[in-house]
């Protein structure tokens, strides 16, 4: 493609609202333009990269026998009410009505639609297992759409769904998808990790997120330095080696109330009483599926809402409001404790609390705390569980090694859904004995547009984007330094025609611009291999330069077509 004819409106500067590198660089490189908050137009270069990513995904999905289809973006509300997610998914649903006042939504995901399709078309175990996928635009009304393509309200996604008669074939398909995802992200040149994660609003049991490692990522990952354990901080388990056994001391004094005026935080209480945070117990009241639950963690730890939800097998879990705290504990927030609650509630404590010899807790009245409080002696716990957020330096739950933290950008997620949707929607098949059974399901997503942004976040420098070969909009950036020079113009045109005829994707910069402008734009656009036709054109020679490594050299124009495959292979070397 001739660059002078392409829509590539490069910019030297962008507004301060573009905080992420991918957002800034894709705006500057003329790849995207914002139409509304979280809604972007993909210009030709970005669209070519999207199609490259799609092609890699399609090849790997087809390789494992998944079948591509296309589902409607507009979903009738009835399906989502049938699954229960019309009410529980949240305000991210983009809802609308047609002229007959029938309710619809723009699909953020398609579990309901695919389940409805399969329950109507597949009714026998003989057609199972079956895996179906699509690549389609999704819609989520993000409260604060930001970061360019990393968090938008409209985005391109590959979602796949599998249907099974038994757990064994689900396990097999899940592993096939897991390995396919590893191949996809490897082919796209990404440094990534597969981590254990929370299934969120989609539901299900076992699941993994695929995270691109990047300091700009929104997610914190817990990684073991000694084994391959990796988890999102939301679900990272706390190894047993970090928790002590329950103490047996009998010489702890009785409970004593102390005055702690206006000291409602851990820092304030520790300063006032001369204690360490690990000597305190935080008492946090949650509302879990409409019922209050008191969660206890050590003062130097943080309660993990996701873990609380899973431990109690709940649909919804959130911190209780101030009125609920007062009604249950009799005190304002910050002074609640497990001793002398005004209203009996279920008490869930982290394992670390069980190992405390004595503790400081809220007195369930304003401006007061209790000291010398012992678990079991002074209050009862209904359930001990891992309900705290892992910390850097904690023991790995698999091998006992040390956990370290990293940041990541989620680009893919695989779930074992089980019968979450098939039971809710009465989606059944007849097994070998002729008995009606619900499908066992799996769900597998990749954010196509998000992958593009994640590549830029991981692959750039101060001069611009550095596309890996697997995702680059073009393979070669051919530059005629001075198109007015007859030798340069003739040689550049001949190379462009020959490379294009050989099936090489070439962006030909034939613009009437200064050499400095062309080279600066070439660095910004980040195509892996640059071929420059300049002063040596009269001798039939051209220069080449790799965008990633910066290494360069020259060769004759006659050699170029023969050596180009090797040069393209070297383009991703550092």
Protein backbone atom coordinates (compact mmCIF):
# COMPACT_ATOMS: atom_id res chain seq x y z
CA UNK A 1 0.00 0.00 0.00
CA UNK A 2 1.26 3.47 -0.90
CA UNK A 3 1.52 5.57 2.21
CA UNK A 4 0.60 8.82 0.47
CA UNK A 5 -2.84 7.31 -0.23
CA UNK A 6 -3.42 5.83 3.23
CA UNK A 7 -5.41 7.29 6.09
CA UNK A 8 -2.61 7.48 8.67
CA UNK A 9 -3.13 10.84 10.43
CA UNK A 10 -0.07 10.81 12.70
CA UNK A 11 0.19 13.28 15.56
CA UNK A 12 3.20 14.68 17.37
CA UNK A 13 1.30 15.23 20.62
CA UNK A 14 -1.94 14.04 22.24
CA UNK A 15 -3.97 15.25 25.20
CA UNK A 16 -3.17 14.52 28.83
CA UNK A 17 -6.23 12.25 29.08
CA UNK A 18 -4.27 9.59 27.16
CA UNK A 19 -2.40 8.22 30.18
CA UNK A 20 -1.55 4.71 28.95
CA UNK A 21 1.29 4.20 26.48
CA UNK A 22 -0.93 2.19 24.14
CA UNK A 23 -3.56 4.94 24.13
CA UNK A 24 -1.00 7.68 23.42
CA UNK A 25 0.90 5.77 20.76
CA UNK A 26 -2.13 4.44 18.90
CA UNK A 27 -3.55 7.97 18.76
CA UNK A 28 -0.22 9.40 17.63
CA UNK A 29 0.28 6.62 15.05
CA UNK A 30 -3.09 7.39 13.46
CA UNK A 31 -4.49 3.99 14.40
CA UNK A 32 -7.54 4.95 16.45
CA UNK A 33 -9.79 7.96 17.02
CA UNK A 34 -12.34 8.39 19.82
CA UNK A 35 -15.95 8.85 18.79
CA UNK A 36 -17.36 8.92 22.35
CA UNK A 37 -16.08 7.93 25.78
CA UNK A 38 -14.89 4.33 25.48
CA UNK A 39 -15.94 4.10 21.80
CA UNK A 40 -13.24 4.12 19.11
CA UNK A 41 -12.91 4.08 15.34
CA UNK A 42 -10.22 1.70 14.08
CA UNK A 43 -8.31 3.33 11.25
CA UNK A 44 -6.67 1.20 8.51
CA UNK A 45 -3.44 0.31 10.36
CA UNK A 46 -5.27 -0.72 13.53
CA UNK A 47 -7.84 -2.66 11.53
CA UNK A 48 -5.11 -4.61 9.75
CA UNK A 49 -3.60 -5.56 13.11
CA UNK A 50 -7.02 -6.56 14.44
CA UNK A 51 -7.42 -8.85 11.45
CA UNK A 52 -3.95 -10.34 12.06
CA UNK A 53 -4.89 -11.15 15.65
CA UNK A 54 -8.24 -12.56 14.51
CA UNK A 55 -6.50 -14.80 11.98
CA UNK A 56 -4.15 -16.27 14.59
CA UNK A 57 -7.12 -16.89 16.88
CA UNK A 58 -9.16 -18.51 14.09
CA UNK A 59 -6.32 -20.80 13.10
CA UNK A 60 -5.83 -22.05 16.65
CA UNK A 61 -9.56 -22.42 17.31
CA UNK A 62 -10.02 -24.36 14.07
CA UNK A 63 -6.99 -26.48 14.92
CA UNK A 64 -8.75 -27.90 18.01
CA UNK A 65 -12.04 -28.47 16.18
CA UNK A 66 -14.05 -25.44 17.34
CA UNK A 67 -16.71 -24.25 14.86
CA UNK A 68 -17.14 -20.57 14.04
CA UNK A 69 -20.57 -18.94 13.95
CA UNK A 70 -21.98 -15.48 14.56
CA UNK A 71 -24.58 -14.71 17.23
CA UNK A 72 -26.82 -11.63 17.42
CA UNK A 73 -25.42 -8.64 19.28
CA UNK A 74 -28.93 -7.61 20.37
CA UNK A 75 -30.26 -10.06 22.97
CA UNK A 76 -33.86 -10.31 24.22
CA UNK A 77 -34.17 -9.60 27.93
CA UNK A 78 -36.12 -12.83 28.47
CA UNK A 79 -33.00 -14.96 28.04
CA UNK A 80 -31.06 -12.96 30.61
CA UNK A 81 -33.98 -13.03 33.01
CA UNK A 82 -34.13 -16.79 32.55
CA UNK A 83 -30.47 -17.13 33.59
CA UNK A 84 -30.89 -14.60 36.41
CA UNK A 85 -28.26 -12.21 35.10
CA UNK A 86 -30.65 -9.44 34.02
CA UNK A 87 -30.78 -8.44 37.68
CA UNK A 88 -27.31 -9.52 38.87
CA UNK A 89 -24.95 -8.53 36.04
CA UNK A 90 -25.07 -4.90 37.09
CA UNK A 91 -25.26 -1.44 35.50
CA UNK A 92 -22.72 -2.43 32.84
CA UNK A 93 -25.57 -3.90 30.78
CA UNK A 94 -26.52 -1.64 27.86
CA UNK A 95 -30.32 -1.96 27.89
CA UNK A 96 -32.81 -0.72 25.32
CA UNK A 97 -36.38 -1.13 24.07
CA UNK A 98 -37.72 -1.62 20.57
CA UNK A 99 -40.74 0.22 19.15
CA UNK A 100 -43.03 -2.32 20.80
CA UNK A 101 -41.43 -1.61 24.19
CA UNK A 102 -39.88 -5.06 24.33
CA UNK A 103 -36.69 -5.11 26.37
CA UNK A 104 -33.31 -5.95 24.84
CA UNK A 105 -29.64 -5.54 25.67
CA UNK A 106 -26.45 -5.29 23.65
CA UNK A 107 -24.49 -8.42 24.50
CA UNK A 108 -21.46 -8.06 26.77
CA UNK A 109 -21.07 -11.85 26.53
CA UNK A 110 -23.19 -14.63 25.01
CA UNK A 111 -23.70 -17.52 27.43
CA UNK A 112 -27.48 -17.14 27.33
CA UNK A 113 -27.74 -16.88 23.55
CA UNK A 114 -25.49 -19.86 22.82
CA UNK A 115 -27.25 -21.97 25.46
CA UNK A 116 -30.61 -21.14 23.90
CA UNK A 117 -29.32 -22.09 20.46
CA UNK A 118 -27.90 -25.43 21.53
CA UNK A 119 -30.90 -26.45 23.67
CA UNK A 120 -33.11 -25.96 20.61
CA UNK A 121 -30.83 -27.68 18.09
CA UNK A 122 -28.84 -30.40 19.93
CA UNK A 123 -30.75 -32.91 22.05
CA UNK A 124 -28.58 -36.06 22.03
CA UNK A 125 -25.26 -37.08 23.57
CA UNK A 126 -24.25 -38.30 20.09
CA UNK A 127 -23.51 -34.71 18.98
CA UNK A 128 -21.37 -34.01 22.05
CA UNK A 129 -18.84 -32.68 22.83
CA UNK A 130 -19.27 -29.57 20.70
CA UNK A 131 -17.28 -26.31 20.73
CA UNK A 132 -18.58 -23.16 19.04
CA UNK A 133 -16.94 -19.73 18.77
CA UNK A 134 -17.48 -16.29 17.33
CA UNK A 135 -15.58 -13.03 16.90
CA UNK A 136 -17.92 -10.13 17.53
CA UNK A 137 -18.30 -6.66 18.97
CA UNK A 138 -19.36 -6.57 22.64
CA UNK A 139 -20.87 -3.78 24.71
CA UNK A 140 -20.40 -2.88 28.38
CA UNK A 141 -21.41 0.41 29.91
CA UNK A 142 -18.20 0.96 31.87
CA UNK A 143 -18.56 3.55 34.61
CA UNK A 144 -15.16 5.08 33.84
CA UNK A 145 -14.05 4.04 30.35
CA UNK A 146 -10.40 4.90 30.10
CA UNK A 147 -7.02 3.66 28.88
CA UNK A 148 -7.99 3.60 25.22
CA UNK A 149 -8.71 0.10 23.94
CA UNK A 150 -7.86 -1.50 27.29
CA UNK A 151 -11.17 -0.52 28.88
CA UNK A 152 -13.83 0.59 26.46
CA UNK A 153 -17.59 0.41 26.20
CA UNK A 154 -17.45 -1.24 22.78
CA UNK A 155 -14.79 -3.84 22.00
CA UNK A 156 -14.01 -6.81 19.79
CA UNK A 157 -13.92 -10.22 21.43
CA UNK A 158 -13.59 -13.90 20.59
CA UNK A 159 -15.88 -15.97 22.79
CA UNK A 160 -16.14 -19.74 22.60
CA UNK A 161 -18.47 -22.16 24.36
CA UNK A 162 -18.29 -25.91 24.72
CA UNK A 163 -21.06 -28.40 25.54
CA UNK A 164 -20.45 -31.81 27.10
CA UNK A 165 -22.17 -34.93 28.30
CA UNK A 166 -19.58 -35.58 31.01
CA UNK A 167 -16.88 -33.92 33.08
CA UNK A 168 -14.09 -35.86 31.36
CA UNK A 169 -14.67 -34.31 27.94
CA UNK A 170 -15.02 -30.86 29.52
CA UNK A 171 -11.62 -31.36 31.13
CA UNK A 172 -10.17 -32.37 27.76
CA UNK A 173 -11.64 -29.39 25.91
CA UNK A 174 -10.57 -27.03 28.69
CA UNK A 175 -7.00 -28.28 28.33
CA UNK A 176 -7.21 -27.99 24.52
CA UNK A 177 -8.38 -24.38 24.87
CA UNK A 178 -5.71 -23.65 27.48
CA UNK A 179 -2.97 -24.88 25.15
CA UNK A 180 -4.52 -23.08 22.17
CA UNK A 181 -4.41 -19.83 24.13
CA UNK A 182 -0.76 -20.41 24.97
CA UNK A 183 0.00 -20.85 21.26
CA UNK A 184 -2.03 -17.76 20.31
CA UNK A 185 -0.26 -15.41 22.68
CA UNK A 186 3.14 -16.92 21.87
CA UNK A 187 2.55 -16.44 18.14
CA UNK A 188 1.60 -12.82 18.82
CA UNK A 189 4.95 -12.23 20.52
CA UNK A 190 3.61 -11.57 24.02
CA UNK A 191 5.27 -12.18 27.39
CA UNK A 192 2.37 -13.65 29.38
CA UNK A 193 1.38 -15.92 32.25
CA UNK A 194 -1.70 -18.07 32.79
CA UNK A 195 -2.96 -17.40 36.33
CA UNK A 196 -5.69 -18.82 38.55
CA UNK A 197 -8.52 -16.34 38.78
CA UNK A 198 -12.07 -15.44 39.81
CA UNK A 199 -14.88 -16.18 37.35
CA UNK A 200 -16.74 -12.96 38.20
CA UNK A 201 -20.20 -12.37 36.77
CA UNK A 202 -19.93 -15.30 34.35
CA UNK A 203 -19.75 -17.90 37.11
CA UNK A 204 -18.28 -21.38 37.05
CA UNK A 205 -15.55 -23.25 38.89
CA UNK A 206 -12.01 -23.77 37.61
CA UNK A 207 -10.72 -20.93 35.46
CA UNK A 208 -7.53 -19.23 34.32
CA UNK A 209 -6.77 -15.72 33.14
CA UNK A 210 -4.08 -15.09 30.57
CA UNK A 211 -2.14 -12.03 31.65
CA UNK A 212 0.29 -9.97 29.61
CA UNK A 213 3.02 -8.88 32.02
CA UNK A 214 3.16 -5.08 32.10
CA UNK A 215 3.75 -2.54 34.84
CA UNK A 216 0.85 -0.55 33.44
CA UNK A 217 -1.57 -3.44 34.02
CA UNK A 218 -4.63 -3.03 36.23
CA UNK A 219 -4.30 -6.48 37.81
CA UNK A 220 -1.83 -7.58 40.47
CA UNK A 221 -0.46 -11.09 40.02
CA UNK A 222 1.06 -13.34 42.66
CA UNK A 223 3.84 -15.43 41.13
CA UNK A 224 5.97 -18.09 42.82
CA UNK A 225 9.70 -17.83 42.27
CA UNK A 226 10.20 -21.58 42.79
CA UNK A 227 7.36 -23.23 40.84
CA UNK A 228 4.84 -22.32 38.14
CA UNK A 229 2.09 -21.24 40.55
CA UNK A 230 0.50 -17.97 39.41
CA UNK A 231 -2.77 -16.34 40.47
CA UNK A 232 -4.63 -13.09 40.31
CA UNK A 233 -4.34 -11.32 43.67
CA UNK A 234 -8.13 -11.65 43.98
CA UNK A 235 -7.84 -15.42 44.34
CA UNK A 236 -4.19 -16.08 45.27
CA UNK A 237 -4.17 -18.65 48.06
CA UNK A 238 -2.22 -18.07 51.24
CA UNK A 239 0.16 -20.92 51.96
CA UNK A 240 -0.30 -22.75 55.24
CA UNK A 241 3.34 -22.12 56.16
CA UNK A 242 2.57 -18.46 56.86
CA UNK A 243 -0.06 -19.25 59.49
CA UNK A 244 0.62 -20.46 63.03
CA UNK A 245 -1.33 -23.12 64.90
CA UNK A 246 -3.85 -22.08 67.53
CA UNK A 247 -2.00 -21.08 70.76
CA UNK A 248 -2.58 -22.98 74.00
CA UNK A 249 -1.57 -20.22 76.43
CA UNK A 250 -3.78 -19.93 79.54
CA UNK A 251 -2.15 -16.89 81.15
CA UNK A 252 -3.84 -14.25 79.02
CA UNK A 253 -5.65 -11.69 81.27
CA UNK A 254 -9.38 -11.21 81.00
CA UNK A 255 -10.93 -8.88 78.48
CA UNK A 256 -10.50 -5.18 79.27
CA UNK A 257 -12.20 -2.21 77.65
CA UNK A 258 -9.98 0.77 76.80
CA UNK A 259 -10.88 4.23 75.55
CA UNK A 260 -9.84 4.99 71.98
CA UNK A 261 -11.48 8.32 71.12
CA UNK A 262 -11.76 8.93 67.37
CA UNK A 263 -9.39 6.00 66.66
CA UNK A 264 -11.29 3.97 64.08
CA UNK A 265 -8.46 2.82 61.79
CA UNK A 266 -5.67 0.30 62.37
CA UNK A 267 -3.03 3.04 62.22
CA UNK A 268 -4.87 5.23 64.74
CA UNK A 269 -5.45 2.36 67.20
CA UNK A 270 -1.87 1.08 67.00
CA UNK A 271 -0.46 4.55 67.68
CA UNK A 272 -2.84 5.18 70.57
CA UNK A 273 -2.33 1.80 72.28
CA UNK A 274 1.31 1.22 71.35
CA UNK A 275 0.48 -2.00 69.52
CA UNK A 276 1.62 -3.53 66.25
CA UNK A 277 -0.93 -4.06 63.44
CA UNK A 278 -0.53 -7.84 63.70
CA UNK A 279 -1.79 -7.63 67.30
CA UNK A 280 -5.17 -6.29 66.16
CA UNK A 281 -8.14 -7.97 64.54
CA UNK A 282 -10.13 -6.16 61.86
CA UNK A 283 -13.86 -6.86 62.09
CA UNK A 284 -15.60 -6.17 58.79
CA UNK A 285 -19.32 -6.63 58.27
CA UNK A 286 -20.32 -7.88 54.82
CA UNK A 287 -23.74 -8.34 53.29
CA UNK A 288 -23.70 -11.78 51.68
CA UNK A 289 -26.75 -12.66 49.59
CA UNK A 290 -28.74 -10.23 51.74
CA UNK A 291 -27.52 -11.55 55.13
CA UNK A 292 -24.91 -9.90 57.41
CA UNK A 293 -21.65 -11.83 57.94
CA UNK A 294 -18.80 -10.69 60.19
CA UNK A 295 -15.37 -11.33 58.68
CA UNK A 296 -12.25 -11.23 60.87
CA UNK A 297 -8.69 -10.74 59.62
CA UNK A 298 -5.47 -9.82 61.36
CA UNK A 299 -4.73 -6.10 61.52
CA UNK A 300 -1.85 -6.25 59.06
CA UNK A 301 -3.96 -8.15 56.51
CA UNK A 302 -6.76 -7.14 54.14
CA UNK A 303 -10.08 -8.97 53.83
CA UNK A 304 -10.62 -10.38 50.36
CA UNK A 305 -14.20 -9.92 49.17
CA UNK A 306 -13.83 -12.43 46.33
CA UNK A 307 -12.59 -15.13 48.71
CA UNK A 308 -15.40 -14.42 51.16
CA UNK A 309 -17.89 -14.82 48.34
CA UNK A 310 -16.40 -18.16 47.27
CA UNK A 311 -16.03 -19.54 50.81
CA UNK A 312 -19.72 -18.89 51.43
CA UNK A 313 -20.75 -20.00 47.92
CA UNK A 314 -22.57 -16.71 47.46
CA UNK A 315 -23.96 -14.88 44.45
CA UNK A 316 -23.40 -11.39 45.86
CA UNK A 317 -21.01 -10.07 48.49
CA UNK A 318 -20.24 -6.48 49.49
CA UNK A 319 -19.29 -4.43 52.53
CA UNK A 320 -22.34 -3.57 54.62
CA UNK A 321 -23.53 0.03 54.76
CA UNK A 322 -23.26 2.14 57.93
CA UNK A 323 -26.89 1.54 58.95
CA UNK A 324 -26.41 -2.25 58.80
CA UNK A 325 -23.18 -2.00 60.81
CA UNK A 326 -24.97 -0.02 63.55
CA UNK A 327 -27.93 -2.40 63.58
CA UNK A 328 -25.79 -5.55 63.90
CA UNK A 329 -22.92 -4.33 66.09
CA UNK A 330 -24.42 -1.36 67.92
CA UNK A 331 -21.45 0.80 66.93
CA UNK A 332 -20.30 3.03 64.10
CA UNK A 333 -17.95 1.61 61.48
CA UNK A 334 -14.41 1.29 62.77
CA UNK A 335 -15.36 0.11 66.27
CA UNK A 336 -17.05 -3.22 65.47
CA UNK A 337 -15.77 -6.43 67.02
CA UNK A 338 -16.74 -10.09 67.55
CA UNK A 339 -17.38 -9.75 71.32
CA UNK A 340 -20.84 -8.65 72.43
CA UNK A 341 -22.54 -8.17 69.09
CA UNK A 342 -25.96 -6.58 69.29
CA UNK A 343 -27.35 -9.09 66.81
CA UNK A 344 -26.07 -12.68 66.33
CA UNK A 345 -24.47 -13.22 62.92
CA UNK A 346 -22.30 -15.77 61.15
CA UNK A 347 -18.61 -15.17 61.94
CA UNK A 348 -15.93 -16.11 59.40
CA UNK A 349 -12.28 -15.67 60.41
CA UNK A 350 -9.06 -15.93 58.46
CA UNK A 351 -6.68 -18.73 59.47
CA UNK A 352 -4.20 -16.17 60.82
CA UNK A 353 -6.72 -15.07 63.47
CA UNK A 354 -6.77 -18.60 64.85
CA UNK A 355 -3.05 -18.36 65.52
CA UNK A 356 -3.27 -15.18 67.65
CA UNK A 357 -2.47 -15.53 71.36
CA UNK A 358 -4.49 -12.42 72.17
CA UNK A 359 -5.82 -9.49 70.20
CA UNK A 360 -7.25 -5.98 70.26
CA UNK A 361 -10.74 -5.78 68.78
CA UNK A 362 -13.48 -3.20 68.48
CA UNK A 363 -15.75 -2.93 71.55
CA UNK A 364 -18.98 -2.47 69.54
CA UNK A 365 -19.37 1.02 70.90
CA UNK A 366 -17.98 4.33 69.74
CA UNK A 367 -14.46 5.34 70.86
CA UNK A 368 -13.67 2.04 72.61
CA UNK A 369 -11.72 -1.18 71.97
CA UNK A 370 -11.17 -4.41 73.88
CA UNK A 371 -7.72 -5.78 74.74
CA UNK A 372 -6.59 -9.27 75.83
CA UNK A 373 -9.23 -10.87 73.62
CA UNK A 374 -8.67 -14.55 72.77
CA UNK A 375 -10.35 -16.53 70.00
CA UNK A 376 -12.48 -19.44 71.29
CA UNK A 377 -12.34 -18.11 74.86
CA UNK A 378 -13.99 -14.74 74.27
CA UNK A 379 -15.78 -15.21 70.95
CA UNK A 380 -16.76 -18.07 68.70
CA UNK A 381 -15.97 -18.46 65.01
CA UNK A 382 -18.36 -20.36 62.75
CA UNK A 383 -15.80 -20.92 60.01
CA UNK A 384 -12.05 -20.52 59.63
CA UNK A 385 -10.96 -20.08 56.02
CA UNK A 386 -8.51 -18.31 53.75
CA UNK A 387 -10.29 -14.97 53.40
CA UNK A 388 -7.39 -12.53 53.25
CA UNK A 389 -5.51 -11.02 50.33
CA UNK A 390 -2.09 -12.54 49.75
CA UNK A 391 0.93 -10.33 50.43
CA UNK A 392 4.30 -10.25 48.74
CA UNK A 393 6.60 -12.60 50.63
CA UNK A 394 3.83 -15.04 51.64
CA UNK A 395 4.51 -18.72 51.14
CA UNK A 396 3.45 -20.33 47.88
CA UNK A 397 0.42 -22.60 48.52
CA UNK A 398 1.88 -25.24 46.18
CA UNK A 399 5.56 -25.56 47.06
CA UNK A 400 6.18 -23.28 50.05
CA UNK A 401 8.35 -20.93 47.99
CA UNK A 402 8.05 -17.15 48.19
CA UNK A 403 5.38 -15.19 46.31
CA UNK A 404 6.35 -12.08 44.40
CA UNK A 405 4.00 -9.57 42.78
CA UNK A 406 3.82 -8.38 39.21
CA UNK A 407 1.34 -6.34 37.20
CA UNK A 408 -0.64 -7.72 34.29
CA UNK A 409 -3.22 -6.95 31.59
CA UNK A 410 -5.91 -9.58 31.15
CA UNK A 411 -6.24 -10.64 27.51
CA UNK A 412 -7.94 -14.04 27.82
CA UNK A 413 -10.01 -16.09 30.25
CA UNK A 414 -11.07 -19.75 30.24
CA UNK A 415 -13.85 -21.11 32.50
CA UNK A 416 -15.40 -24.39 33.47
CA UNK A 417 -19.03 -23.30 33.72
CA UNK A 418 -20.47 -26.68 34.68
CA UNK A 419 -24.28 -26.58 34.65
CA UNK A 420 -24.62 -22.94 35.77
CA UNK A 421 -26.54 -21.92 32.62
CA UNK A 422 -27.95 -25.21 31.40
CA UNK A 423 -29.80 -25.82 34.69
CA UNK A 424 -31.08 -22.24 34.92
CA UNK A 425 -32.30 -22.35 31.32
CA UNK A 426 -33.44 -25.99 31.27
CA UNK A 427 -31.00 -26.84 28.50
CA UNK A 428 -30.87 -30.64 28.39
CA UNK A 429 -29.91 -33.59 26.21
CA UNK A 430 -30.71 -37.30 26.27
CA UNK A 431 -27.85 -39.48 27.54
CA UNK A 432 -27.06 -43.09 26.54
CA UNK A 433 -29.85 -44.38 28.77
CA UNK A 434 -32.36 -41.94 27.31
CA UNK A 435 -32.37 -39.82 30.48
CA UNK A 436 -32.62 -36.06 30.32
CA UNK A 437 -29.54 -34.29 31.68
CA UNK A 438 -28.26 -30.68 31.65
CA UNK A 439 -25.31 -29.86 29.44
CA UNK A 440 -21.95 -29.43 31.15
CA UNK A 441 -20.43 -26.25 29.70
CA UNK A 442 -17.18 -24.38 29.26
CA UNK A 443 -16.54 -20.76 28.23
CA UNK A 444 -13.40 -19.28 26.67
CA UNK A 445 -12.82 -15.60 25.81
CA UNK A 446 -10.10 -13.46 24.23
CA UNK A 447 -10.31 -9.67 24.00
CA UNK A 448 -9.16 -9.10 20.41
CA UNK A 449 -8.98 -5.30 20.58
CA UNK A 450 -7.56 -5.54 24.10
CA UNK A 451 -4.77 -7.82 22.80
CA UNK A 452 -3.79 -5.14 20.28
CA UNK A 453 -3.48 -2.53 23.04
CA UNK A 454 -1.64 -4.98 25.32
CA UNK A 455 0.92 -5.64 22.59
CA UNK A 456 1.62 -1.91 22.36
CA UNK A 457 1.88 -1.62 26.16
CA UNK A 458 4.52 -4.34 26.19
CA UNK A 459 6.23 -3.54 22.88
CA UNK A 460 7.22 0.12 22.57
CA UNK A 461 10.02 2.53 23.29
CA UNK A 462 10.39 6.30 23.49
CA UNK A 463 10.11 6.56 19.70
CA UNK A 464 6.93 4.58 19.17
CA UNK A 465 5.43 1.12 18.71
CA UNK A 466 7.50 -2.04 18.12
CA UNK A 467 5.16 -4.54 16.50
CA UNK A 468 5.95 -8.26 16.81
CA UNK A 469 5.87 -9.88 13.38
CA UNK A 470 2.73 -11.87 14.21
CA UNK A 471 0.66 -8.73 14.77
CA UNK A 472 2.29 -6.07 12.61
CA UNK A 473 -0.02 -4.32 10.14
CA UNK A 474 2.69 -4.71 7.47
CA UNK A 475 5.83 -6.83 7.30
CA UNK A 476 8.05 -4.28 5.57
CA UNK A 477 8.17 -0.49 5.60
CA UNK A 478 9.76 0.56 2.29
CA UNK A 479 10.98 4.16 2.28
CA UNK A 480 12.02 6.20 -0.71
CA UNK A 481 14.09 8.92 0.93
CA UNK A 482 13.78 11.31 -2.02
CA UNK A 483 11.12 10.30 -4.57
CA UNK A 484 12.25 13.19 -6.80
CA UNK A 485 15.61 11.46 -7.31
CA UNK A 486 15.27 9.31 -10.48
CA UNK A 487 17.48 6.46 -9.22
CA UNK A 488 15.74 6.29 -5.85
CA UNK A 489 12.26 6.54 -7.38
CA UNK A 490 12.97 3.84 -10.01
CA UNK A 491 14.54 1.37 -7.55
CA UNK A 492 11.88 1.91 -4.88
CA UNK A 493 9.09 1.37 -7.41
CA UNK A 494 10.75 -1.82 -8.71
CA UNK A 495 11.17 -3.21 -5.20
CA UNK A 496 7.61 -2.33 -4.26
CA UNK A 497 6.25 -4.14 -7.31
CA UNK A 498 8.46 -7.19 -6.81
CA UNK A 499 7.88 -7.60 -3.06
CA UNK A 500 4.15 -7.14 -3.49
CA UNK A 501 4.11 -9.74 -6.27
CA UNK A 502 6.00 -12.09 -3.93
CA UNK A 503 3.18 -11.80 -1.37
CA UNK A 504 5.07 -9.54 1.06
CA UNK A 505 2.93 -7.00 2.91
CA UNK A 506 4.62 -3.67 2.15
CA UNK A 507 3.82 -0.16 3.29
CA UNK A 508 5.56 2.05 0.72
CA UNK A 509 6.38 5.55 1.97
CA UNK A 510 6.34 7.43 -1.34
CA UNK A 511 5.34 10.74 0.25
CA UNK A 512 6.95 14.03 -0.67
CA UNK A 513 8.24 14.58 2.86
CA UNK A 514 11.64 15.25 4.43
CA UNK A 515 13.70 12.17 5.29
CA UNK A 516 13.56 13.04 9.00
CA UNK A 517 9.76 13.05 8.96
CA UNK A 518 9.65 9.69 7.22
CA UNK A 519 12.09 8.03 9.61
CA UNK A 520 10.33 9.48 12.64
CA UNK A 521 6.99 8.21 11.38
CA UNK A 522 8.52 4.81 10.64
CA UNK A 523 9.70 4.50 14.26
CA UNK A 524 6.27 5.61 15.47
CA UNK A 525 4.38 3.09 13.31
CA UNK A 526 6.74 0.31 14.40
CA UNK A 527 6.72 -2.05 11.38
CA UNK A 528 9.31 -4.79 12.06
CA UNK A 529 11.63 -4.31 9.05
CA UNK A 530 12.50 -1.04 7.34
CA UNK A 531 14.01 -1.00 3.84
CA UNK A 532 15.41 2.39 2.85
CA UNK A 533 16.16 3.40 -0.72
CA UNK A 534 18.52 6.34 -0.42
CA UNK A 535 21.90 7.59 -1.57
CA UNK A 536 23.16 4.11 -2.51
CA UNK A 537 20.31 3.62 -5.01
CA UNK A 538 22.59 4.60 -7.92
CA UNK A 539 24.76 1.60 -6.99
CA UNK A 540 21.74 -0.68 -6.72
CA UNK A 541 22.00 -1.03 -2.95
CA UNK A 542 19.49 -0.47 -0.13
CA UNK A 543 19.68 -0.25 3.66
CA UNK A 544 17.71 -2.36 6.12
CA UNK A 545 16.97 -1.77 9.79
CA UNK A 546 15.15 -3.83 12.40
CA UNK A 547 12.70 -1.82 14.49
CA UNK A 548 13.13 -3.97 17.61
CA UNK A 549 16.90 -4.35 17.87
CA UNK A 550 17.92 -1.28 15.90
CA UNK A 551 20.50 -3.37 14.00
CA UNK A 552 21.06 -2.32 10.41
CA UNK A 553 23.03 -3.10 7.28
CA UNK A 554 22.95 -2.86 3.52
CA UNK A 555 22.67 -5.23 0.60
CA UNK A 556 22.07 -5.14 -3.13
CA UNK A 557 18.54 -4.74 -4.39
CA UNK A 558 18.96 -8.01 -6.29
CA UNK A 559 19.78 -9.86 -3.06
CA UNK A 560 16.85 -8.43 -1.13
CA UNK A 561 14.07 -10.78 -2.33
CA UNK A 562 16.29 -13.80 -1.64
CA UNK A 563 17.41 -12.66 1.80
CA UNK A 564 14.08 -11.16 2.86
CA UNK A 565 12.68 -14.37 4.51
CA UNK A 566 15.76 -14.55 6.73
CA UNK A 567 15.55 -10.85 7.55
CA UNK A 568 11.88 -11.20 8.51
CA UNK A 569 12.75 -14.09 10.85
CA UNK A 570 15.37 -11.92 12.55
CA UNK A 571 12.98 -8.98 12.97
CA UNK A 572 11.74 -10.18 16.38
CA UNK A 573 15.22 -10.70 17.82
CA UNK A 574 16.30 -8.32 20.55
